[in-house]
N, C-alpha and C. Protein backbone atom coordinates (compact mmCIF):
# COMPACT_ATOMS: atom_id res chain seq x y z
N MET A 1 90.05 107.27 135.24
CA MET A 1 91.27 106.97 135.57
C MET A 1 91.48 105.92 134.48
N LYS A 2 90.48 105.07 134.34
CA LYS A 2 90.77 104.08 133.27
C LYS A 2 91.09 104.46 132.00
N ILE A 3 90.08 105.30 131.62
CA ILE A 3 89.30 106.23 130.24
C ILE A 3 90.96 107.03 129.89
N LYS A 4 91.21 107.49 130.81
CA LYS A 4 92.72 108.46 131.01
C LYS A 4 94.20 107.84 130.12
N LEU A 5 94.03 106.52 131.32
CA LEU A 5 94.88 105.68 130.74
C LEU A 5 95.02 105.23 129.38
N VAL A 6 93.59 104.61 129.24
CA VAL A 6 93.81 104.09 127.78
C VAL A 6 94.06 105.02 126.51
N LYS A 7 94.04 106.50 127.05
CA LYS A 7 93.98 107.79 126.19
C LYS A 7 95.29 107.86 125.66
N TYR A 8 96.06 107.87 126.64
CA TYR A 8 97.64 107.69 126.66
C TYR A 8 98.02 106.64 126.09
N ILE A 9 97.87 105.50 126.40
CA ILE A 9 98.37 104.29 125.44
C ILE A 9 98.04 104.73 124.29
N VAL A 10 96.92 104.80 123.62
CA VAL A 10 96.54 105.01 122.37
C VAL A 10 97.46 106.02 121.77
N VAL A 11 97.31 107.20 122.65
CA VAL A 11 98.53 108.79 121.99
C VAL A 11 100.17 108.25 121.54
N ILE A 12 100.32 107.44 122.88
CA ILE A 12 101.42 106.82 122.61
C ILE A 12 101.79 106.25 121.65
N PHE A 13 100.81 105.10 121.50
CA PHE A 13 100.99 104.29 120.57
C PHE A 13 100.82 104.93 118.87
N PHE A 14 100.23 106.19 118.82
CA PHE A 14 100.13 106.44 117.38
C PHE A 14 100.98 107.63 116.91
N LEU A 15 102.10 108.13 118.09
CA LEU A 15 103.01 108.68 118.27
C LEU A 15 104.27 107.63 117.82
N PHE A 16 104.36 106.62 118.41
CA PHE A 16 105.14 105.64 118.20
C PHE A 16 104.91 105.06 116.56
N VAL A 17 103.75 104.92 116.06
CA VAL A 17 103.92 104.46 114.43
C VAL A 17 104.15 105.49 113.74
N ILE A 18 103.75 107.09 113.97
CA ILE A 18 103.92 108.26 113.10
C ILE A 18 105.61 108.00 113.02
N SER A 19 106.36 107.96 114.07
CA SER A 19 108.07 107.97 114.37
C SER A 19 108.45 107.13 113.30
N VAL A 20 108.14 105.94 113.68
CA VAL A 20 108.50 104.56 112.80
C VAL A 20 108.26 104.93 111.50
N PHE A 21 107.23 105.56 111.13
CA PHE A 21 107.08 105.74 109.53
C PHE A 21 108.10 107.04 109.06
N PHE A 22 108.35 108.31 109.56
CA PHE A 22 108.97 109.10 109.39
C PHE A 22 110.54 108.66 109.32
N ILE A 23 110.94 107.70 110.31
CA ILE A 23 112.20 107.05 109.95
C ILE A 23 112.23 106.48 108.75
N GLY A 24 111.41 105.82 108.42
CA GLY A 24 111.61 105.09 107.56
C GLY A 24 111.57 105.57 106.12
N LEU A 25 110.55 106.46 105.87
CA LEU A 25 110.82 107.50 104.82
C LEU A 25 112.34 107.94 104.64
N LYS A 26 112.97 108.44 105.42
CA LYS A 26 113.92 109.42 105.65
C LYS A 26 115.71 107.98 105.03
N LYS A 27 114.84 106.76 105.55
CA LYS A 27 116.22 105.74 105.36
C LYS A 27 116.33 105.44 104.14
N ASP A 28 117.88 105.21 103.69
CA ASP A 28 117.87 104.89 101.44
C ASP A 28 117.47 103.74 101.81
N SER A 29 116.47 103.81 100.40
CA SER A 29 116.25 102.48 100.40
C SER A 29 116.89 101.37 99.14
N ILE A 30 118.03 102.26 98.88
CA ILE A 30 119.27 101.28 97.69
C ILE A 30 120.08 100.54 98.66
N TYR A 31 119.85 99.28 98.08
CA TYR A 31 120.81 98.46 98.65
C TYR A 31 121.88 98.49 97.71
N ASN A 32 123.33 98.68 98.01
CA ASN A 32 124.15 99.10 97.12
C ASN A 32 125.15 98.04 97.53
N THR A 33 125.96 97.20 97.42
CA THR A 33 126.89 96.39 97.67
C THR A 33 128.34 96.72 96.78
N GLN A 34 128.10 97.93 96.16
CA GLN A 34 129.86 98.03 95.70
C GLN A 34 130.90 98.75 96.58
N GLY A 35 130.88 98.81 97.86
CA GLY A 35 131.53 99.01 98.69
C GLY A 35 132.28 97.71 99.15
N LEU A 36 131.50 96.39 98.39
CA LEU A 36 132.21 95.37 98.76
C LEU A 36 133.60 95.37 98.02
N VAL A 37 133.92 96.13 97.11
CA VAL A 37 135.35 96.25 95.55
C VAL A 37 136.08 96.97 96.58
N GLY A 38 137.37 95.40 96.41
CA GLY A 38 138.62 96.04 97.39
C GLY A 38 138.81 95.47 98.30
N GLN A 39 137.58 94.65 99.07
CA GLN A 39 137.39 93.94 100.21
C GLN A 39 137.85 92.55 100.03
N LYS A 40 138.16 91.46 100.89
CA LYS A 40 138.33 90.04 100.50
C LYS A 40 137.92 89.23 101.44
N LEU A 41 137.24 88.13 100.11
CA LEU A 41 136.79 87.68 100.72
C LEU A 41 136.44 86.58 101.68
N THR A 42 136.23 86.29 102.62
CA THR A 42 136.76 85.13 103.74
C THR A 42 136.01 83.93 103.67
N GLU A 43 136.23 83.07 104.27
CA GLU A 43 135.62 81.83 104.52
C GLU A 43 134.36 81.63 103.82
N ILE A 44 134.80 81.68 102.15
CA ILE A 44 134.22 81.00 101.20
C ILE A 44 133.85 79.45 101.78
N ARG A 45 132.56 78.95 101.34
CA ARG A 45 131.98 77.95 101.25
C ARG A 45 130.70 77.36 100.37
N ILE A 46 130.99 77.06 99.08
CA ILE A 46 129.87 77.12 98.39
C ILE A 46 129.81 75.59 97.80
N ASP A 47 128.31 74.79 98.00
CA ASP A 47 128.20 73.46 97.64
C ASP A 47 128.73 73.76 96.36
N HIS A 48 129.47 72.24 95.73
CA HIS A 48 129.04 71.95 94.61
C HIS A 48 128.40 71.64 94.00
N PHE A 49 127.81 71.91 92.50
CA PHE A 49 126.77 71.33 92.17
C PHE A 49 126.21 70.27 91.74
N SER A 50 127.39 69.24 91.66
CA SER A 50 127.06 67.53 91.31
C SER A 50 127.69 66.37 92.22
N GLU A 51 128.53 66.85 92.76
CA GLU A 51 129.87 66.13 93.43
C GLU A 51 129.52 66.90 94.73
N LYS A 52 130.01 65.68 95.65
CA LYS A 52 129.43 65.48 97.44
C LYS A 52 130.77 66.56 97.71
N LYS A 53 131.63 68.03 97.51
CA LYS A 53 132.25 68.51 98.09
C LYS A 53 131.95 70.12 97.87
N ILE A 54 133.04 71.02 98.64
CA ILE A 54 132.39 72.14 98.94
C ILE A 54 133.90 73.02 97.82
N ILE A 55 133.42 74.01 97.48
CA ILE A 55 134.41 75.26 96.65
C ILE A 55 134.03 76.09 97.96
N ASN A 56 135.94 76.32 98.42
CA ASN A 56 136.24 77.24 99.13
C ASN A 56 137.52 78.19 98.74
N ASP A 57 137.70 78.27 100.05
CA ASP A 57 139.07 79.77 99.50
C ASP A 57 140.26 79.29 99.16
N GLU A 58 140.60 78.01 99.19
CA GLU A 58 141.80 77.43 98.64
C GLU A 58 141.32 77.13 96.95
N ASP A 59 140.72 76.15 96.86
CA ASP A 59 140.27 76.36 95.14
C ASP A 59 140.00 77.94 94.32
N LEU A 60 139.61 78.59 94.83
CA LEU A 60 139.63 80.42 94.24
C LEU A 60 141.20 80.46 94.27
N LYS A 61 141.95 80.21 94.53
CA LYS A 61 143.50 80.71 94.33
C LYS A 61 143.81 80.41 93.77
N LYS A 62 143.49 79.04 92.91
CA LYS A 62 144.37 78.35 92.04
C LYS A 62 144.34 79.22 91.05
N SER A 63 143.48 80.21 90.50
CA SER A 63 143.53 80.97 89.23
C SER A 63 143.94 82.48 89.80
N LYS A 64 144.29 82.67 88.63
CA LYS A 64 145.27 84.31 88.70
C LYS A 64 143.78 85.28 88.81
N PHE A 65 142.39 84.85 88.37
CA PHE A 65 141.43 85.81 88.54
C PHE A 65 140.09 84.83 88.27
N THR A 66 139.05 84.75 88.68
CA THR A 66 138.12 84.07 88.75
C THR A 66 136.83 84.81 89.06
N LEU A 67 136.03 84.61 88.19
CA LEU A 67 134.65 85.32 87.65
C LEU A 67 133.14 84.08 88.43
N ILE A 68 132.83 84.69 89.81
CA ILE A 68 131.72 83.82 90.35
C ILE A 68 130.38 84.47 89.37
N ASN A 69 129.43 83.70 89.15
CA ASN A 69 128.48 84.35 88.39
C ASN A 69 127.44 83.40 88.86
N PHE A 70 126.92 84.44 89.55
CA PHE A 70 125.29 83.45 90.19
C PHE A 70 124.21 84.01 89.21
N TRP A 71 123.67 82.90 88.82
CA TRP A 71 122.19 82.63 87.88
C TRP A 71 121.81 81.95 88.25
N ALA A 72 120.50 81.29 87.15
CA ALA A 72 119.32 80.57 87.47
C ALA A 72 118.81 80.39 86.23
N SER A 73 117.86 79.12 85.62
CA SER A 73 117.31 78.64 84.66
C SER A 73 115.84 79.36 84.41
N TRP A 74 115.49 80.22 85.76
CA TRP A 74 114.15 80.98 85.42
C TRP A 74 114.62 82.01 85.33
N CYS A 75 115.79 82.83 85.16
CA CYS A 75 116.19 84.19 85.19
C CYS A 75 116.22 84.20 84.00
N GLY A 76 115.11 85.48 82.89
CA GLY A 76 115.39 85.70 81.74
C GLY A 76 116.56 86.58 81.84
N PRO A 77 117.50 87.69 82.68
CA PRO A 77 118.29 88.22 81.91
C PRO A 77 119.65 87.22 82.27
N CYS A 78 119.70 85.78 82.91
CA CYS A 78 120.83 85.14 82.58
C CYS A 78 120.90 84.32 81.55
N ARG A 79 119.78 84.35 80.42
CA ARG A 79 119.64 84.00 79.65
C ARG A 79 120.37 85.34 78.35
N GLU A 80 120.25 86.33 78.78
CA GLU A 80 121.07 87.33 77.82
C GLU A 80 122.46 87.53 77.95
N GLU A 81 123.14 87.39 79.13
CA GLU A 81 124.31 87.27 79.47
C GLU A 81 125.24 86.05 79.56
N HIS A 82 124.26 85.18 78.99
CA HIS A 82 125.47 83.72 78.76
C HIS A 82 125.82 83.55 77.47
N SER A 83 125.67 84.28 76.48
CA SER A 83 126.70 84.28 75.12
C SER A 83 128.37 85.20 75.65
N PHE A 84 128.39 86.21 76.43
CA PHE A 84 129.32 86.79 76.95
C PHE A 84 129.97 85.35 77.65
N LEU A 85 129.35 85.44 78.84
CA LEU A 85 130.41 83.81 79.36
C LEU A 85 130.72 83.08 78.96
N ILE A 86 130.14 82.53 77.80
CA ILE A 86 130.68 81.55 76.76
C ILE A 86 132.18 82.26 76.12
N LYS A 87 132.05 83.62 75.65
CA LYS A 87 133.30 84.51 75.55
C LYS A 87 134.42 83.94 76.43
N LEU A 88 133.96 84.66 77.54
CA LEU A 88 135.00 84.39 78.55
C LEU A 88 135.30 83.56 78.84
N ASN A 89 135.14 82.05 78.64
CA ASN A 89 135.51 81.31 78.80
C ASN A 89 136.73 81.15 78.12
N GLU A 90 136.78 81.85 77.39
CA GLU A 90 138.08 81.43 76.59
C GLU A 90 139.17 81.77 76.85
N GLU A 91 139.15 82.82 77.85
CA GLU A 91 140.42 83.60 78.67
C GLU A 91 140.83 82.51 79.27
N LYS A 92 142.09 82.74 79.13
CA LYS A 92 143.26 81.31 79.95
C LYS A 92 143.74 82.03 81.40
N ASN A 93 143.31 83.27 81.62
CA ASN A 93 143.73 83.94 82.89
C ASN A 93 142.63 83.78 83.95
N LEU A 94 141.37 82.99 83.54
CA LEU A 94 139.98 83.12 83.90
C LEU A 94 139.41 82.35 84.60
N ARG A 95 139.03 82.07 85.56
CA ARG A 95 138.22 80.60 85.85
C ARG A 95 136.55 81.24 85.76
N LEU A 96 135.90 80.84 85.46
CA LEU A 96 134.78 80.93 86.20
C LEU A 96 134.05 79.98 87.02
N ILE A 97 133.27 79.97 87.63
CA ILE A 97 132.66 79.44 88.60
C ILE A 97 130.94 80.07 88.62
N GLY A 98 130.36 78.91 88.06
CA GLY A 98 128.63 79.30 87.94
C GLY A 98 127.81 78.82 89.31
N VAL A 99 127.14 79.85 89.79
CA VAL A 99 126.64 79.22 91.25
C VAL A 99 125.15 79.27 90.91
N ASN A 100 124.22 78.16 90.67
CA ASN A 100 122.81 77.95 90.45
C ASN A 100 122.46 78.37 91.83
N PHE A 101 121.33 79.74 91.15
CA PHE A 101 120.80 80.21 92.47
C PHE A 101 119.26 79.97 92.71
N LYS A 102 119.29 79.39 93.73
CA LYS A 102 117.21 78.52 94.17
C LYS A 102 116.65 77.90 92.73
N ASP A 103 117.72 77.27 92.28
CA ASP A 103 116.78 76.69 90.98
C ASP A 103 116.88 75.23 91.25
N LYS A 104 116.13 74.63 90.59
CA LYS A 104 115.86 72.68 90.87
C LYS A 104 117.17 72.14 89.48
N LYS A 105 117.93 71.51 89.73
CA LYS A 105 118.76 70.46 89.22
C LYS A 105 118.67 70.52 88.08
N ASN A 106 117.51 69.69 87.64
CA ASN A 106 116.92 69.79 86.13
C ASN A 106 116.93 70.71 85.49
N ASN A 107 116.03 71.84 85.69
CA ASN A 107 115.99 72.40 85.31
C ASN A 107 117.42 73.85 84.70
N ALA A 108 118.54 73.73 85.63
CA ALA A 108 119.98 74.00 85.36
C ALA A 108 120.57 73.39 84.23
N LEU A 109 120.34 71.89 84.51
CA LEU A 109 121.01 70.99 83.57
C LEU A 109 120.69 71.31 81.99
N LYS A 110 119.14 71.67 81.69
CA LYS A 110 118.28 71.38 80.68
C LYS A 110 118.99 73.21 79.79
N PHE A 111 119.12 74.12 80.84
CA PHE A 111 119.42 75.64 80.44
C PHE A 111 120.99 75.45 80.10
N LEU A 112 122.18 74.61 80.61
CA LEU A 112 123.26 74.42 80.17
C LEU A 112 123.19 73.61 79.08
N ASN A 113 122.66 72.73 79.16
CA ASN A 113 122.25 71.75 77.45
C ASN A 113 121.95 72.82 76.63
N GLU A 114 121.08 73.30 76.85
CA GLU A 114 120.48 74.02 75.57
C GLU A 114 121.47 75.35 75.32
N LEU A 115 122.10 76.10 76.19
CA LEU A 115 123.02 77.29 76.11
C LEU A 115 124.74 77.18 75.53
N GLY A 116 125.15 75.81 76.25
CA GLY A 116 126.47 75.57 76.56
C GLY A 116 126.58 76.23 77.77
N ASN A 117 127.30 75.31 78.21
CA ASN A 117 128.27 75.65 79.69
C ASN A 117 129.71 76.28 79.64
N PRO A 118 129.85 77.39 80.40
CA PRO A 118 130.67 78.42 80.19
C PRO A 118 131.67 78.56 81.36
N TYR A 119 131.25 77.39 82.34
CA TYR A 119 131.65 77.05 83.93
C TYR A 119 133.17 76.34 83.76
N ASP A 120 133.68 76.60 84.77
CA ASP A 120 134.78 75.18 84.79
C ASP A 120 134.51 74.73 86.19
N ASP A 121 133.74 75.41 86.70
CA ASP A 121 132.98 74.88 88.06
C ASP A 121 131.62 75.14 88.14
N LEU A 122 130.62 74.41 88.59
CA LEU A 122 129.67 74.74 88.84
C LEU A 122 129.16 74.66 90.49
N ALA A 123 128.71 75.33 91.08
CA ALA A 123 128.03 75.20 92.00
C ALA A 123 126.56 75.45 92.55
N LYS A 124 126.08 75.57 93.88
CA LYS A 124 124.91 75.60 93.78
C LYS A 124 124.66 76.16 95.43
N ASP A 125 123.59 76.89 95.28
CA ASP A 125 122.93 77.53 96.29
C ASP A 125 121.41 77.65 96.20
N GLU A 126 120.52 76.58 97.06
CA GLU A 126 119.38 76.05 96.61
C GLU A 126 118.37 76.69 96.98
N LEU A 127 119.05 77.66 98.37
CA LEU A 127 118.13 78.17 99.47
C LEU A 127 118.23 79.45 99.88
N GLY A 128 119.47 79.93 98.59
CA GLY A 128 120.14 80.96 98.48
C GLY A 128 120.65 81.90 99.95
N LYS A 129 121.41 81.03 100.61
CA LYS A 129 121.92 81.29 102.20
C LYS A 129 123.60 81.67 101.93
N HIS A 130 124.63 80.85 101.07
CA HIS A 130 125.94 81.02 100.68
C HIS A 130 126.20 82.37 99.61
N SER A 131 124.81 82.72 99.12
CA SER A 131 125.02 84.18 97.99
C SER A 131 125.34 85.35 98.97
N ILE A 132 124.64 85.41 100.35
CA ILE A 132 124.76 86.81 101.16
C ILE A 132 125.80 86.83 101.92
N GLY A 133 126.25 86.10 101.88
CA GLY A 133 128.28 86.44 102.42
C GLY A 133 128.96 86.60 100.96
N PHE A 134 128.41 86.67 99.62
CA PHE A 134 128.92 87.81 98.59
C PHE A 134 128.22 88.92 98.38
N GLY A 135 127.12 89.10 99.17
CA GLY A 135 126.49 90.35 98.98
C GLY A 135 125.81 90.29 97.18
N ILE A 136 124.95 89.21 97.20
CA ILE A 136 124.29 89.00 96.11
C ILE A 136 122.71 89.23 96.81
N TYR A 137 121.70 90.22 95.85
CA TYR A 137 120.75 90.45 96.61
C TYR A 137 119.64 90.03 95.48
N GLY A 138 120.27 90.14 94.36
CA GLY A 138 119.17 89.41 92.68
C GLY A 138 120.09 89.00 91.79
N ILE A 139 119.54 88.08 90.95
CA ILE A 139 120.40 87.42 89.93
C ILE A 139 120.04 88.54 88.54
N PRO A 140 120.85 88.18 87.34
CA PRO A 140 122.03 87.31 87.86
C PRO A 140 123.40 88.55 88.25
N GLU A 141 124.20 88.13 89.14
CA GLU A 141 125.10 89.47 89.44
C GLU A 141 126.19 88.79 89.34
N SER A 142 127.71 89.09 88.70
CA SER A 142 128.83 88.80 89.01
C SER A 142 130.03 89.17 90.20
N ILE A 143 131.21 88.45 90.16
CA ILE A 143 132.32 88.93 91.43
C ILE A 143 133.37 88.55 90.59
N LEU A 144 133.96 89.55 90.39
CA LEU A 144 135.46 89.23 89.75
C LEU A 144 136.29 89.58 90.79
N ILE A 145 137.06 88.74 90.95
CA ILE A 145 138.26 88.50 92.45
C ILE A 145 139.61 88.10 91.60
N ASN A 146 140.29 88.00 92.39
CA ASN A 146 142.06 88.06 91.97
C ASN A 146 142.39 86.78 93.13
N ASN A 147 143.57 85.84 92.75
CA ASN A 147 143.84 85.18 93.58
C ASN A 147 144.17 85.57 94.79
N ASN A 148 144.16 86.38 95.58
CA ASN A 148 144.42 86.58 96.49
C ASN A 148 143.13 86.81 97.42
N LEU A 149 141.78 86.68 96.37
CA LEU A 149 140.37 86.72 96.68
C LEU A 149 139.90 88.33 97.42
N ILE A 150 140.72 89.24 96.73
CA ILE A 150 140.22 91.05 96.60
C ILE A 150 139.47 90.74 95.16
N ILE A 151 138.10 91.25 96.02
CA ILE A 151 137.27 91.48 94.82
C ILE A 151 137.50 93.04 94.45
N ILE A 152 137.70 92.70 92.60
CA ILE A 152 137.68 93.96 92.06
C ILE A 152 137.35 94.02 91.26
N LYS A 153 135.99 94.14 90.69
CA LYS A 153 134.63 94.44 90.48
C LYS A 153 133.75 93.62 90.98
N LYS A 154 132.00 93.67 90.87
CA LYS A 154 131.13 93.67 90.68
C LYS A 154 129.95 94.50 89.84
N PHE A 155 129.01 93.18 89.40
CA PHE A 155 128.63 93.73 88.29
C PHE A 155 127.41 92.80 88.56
N VAL A 156 125.98 94.10 89.00
CA VAL A 156 124.82 93.82 89.22
C VAL A 156 124.21 93.72 88.01
N GLY A 157 123.36 92.92 87.49
CA GLY A 157 122.53 92.63 86.14
C GLY A 157 123.45 92.07 85.50
N PRO A 158 122.80 91.28 84.17
CA PRO A 158 123.71 90.65 83.17
C PRO A 158 124.53 91.63 82.72
N LEU A 159 125.73 90.92 82.76
CA LEU A 159 126.66 91.28 81.64
C LEU A 159 126.38 91.87 80.32
N ASN A 160 127.55 92.76 79.89
CA ASN A 160 126.90 92.82 78.84
C ASN A 160 128.55 93.05 77.83
N GLU A 161 128.29 93.89 76.78
CA GLU A 161 129.76 94.16 75.70
C GLU A 161 130.71 94.64 76.62
N ASN A 162 130.12 95.61 77.40
CA ASN A 162 131.22 96.76 77.98
C ASN A 162 131.46 95.77 79.15
N ASP A 163 130.82 95.26 79.87
CA ASP A 163 131.61 94.21 80.91
C ASP A 163 132.42 93.30 80.20
N LEU A 164 132.40 92.36 79.26
CA LEU A 164 133.00 91.93 78.44
C LEU A 164 134.71 92.07 78.55
N ASN A 165 134.53 93.50 77.79
CA ASN A 165 135.92 93.91 77.48
C ASN A 165 136.19 94.64 78.94
N LEU A 166 135.98 94.92 79.72
CA LEU A 166 136.48 95.15 80.80
C LEU A 166 137.10 94.25 81.67
N ILE A 167 136.62 93.37 81.80
CA ILE A 167 136.88 91.77 82.54
C ILE A 167 138.25 91.46 81.36
N LYS A 168 138.09 91.22 80.43
CA LYS A 168 139.35 91.20 79.41
C LYS A 168 140.75 92.00 79.59
N GLU A 169 140.37 93.06 79.90
CA GLU A 169 141.48 94.10 80.01
C GLU A 169 142.19 94.07 81.58
N THR A 170 140.95 93.67 82.44
CA THR A 170 141.06 93.47 84.11
C THR A 170 142.45 92.04 83.83
N ILE A 171 141.96 91.35 83.48
CA ILE A 171 142.67 89.77 83.67
C ILE A 171 144.29 89.47 82.61
N ASN A 172 144.23 90.22 81.89
CA ASN A 172 144.60 90.59 80.58
C ASN A 172 146.28 92.04 81.32
N SER A 173 145.73 92.80 81.57
CA SER A 173 146.49 93.30 82.31
C SER A 173 147.32 93.84 83.19
N LYS A 174 147.27 92.81 84.50
CA LYS A 174 147.25 92.76 85.46
C LYS A 174 148.61 91.33 85.42
């Protein structure tokens, strides 16, 4: 009796493992956050980089457009996109907020001293918890929002010349 019970348990366990495996194969493995475009950001709370304050919804409503850029000093593609952020800093209708992601403060400051600081405000997300609310799953990523906190465009990966032109068109046409 015990042997039959053990056999049934082993067979059921094996079928369970196989079922989970095949369900996992059919699941879409691409994590896509482009569905956030058009959505409103709510309950924004990001720690300021050096001051003991929080950047929140009200801070983001002060500018016609805000580009929130998630970056780190250890990120090679962040270095690639930095010159485009410097160019965007010249735009009058745009506020740049840099969110330093899972980085050491000294390394981040060294990075900005070396390449220039394009940001109007600098925030930090030391543990990566605040970034989840923005749909961030890797860096660099940037989110363009308007003063109603509606996500206009999400940029996954480093900004490039086309992104720069698209952002300029968007903020100067509306």
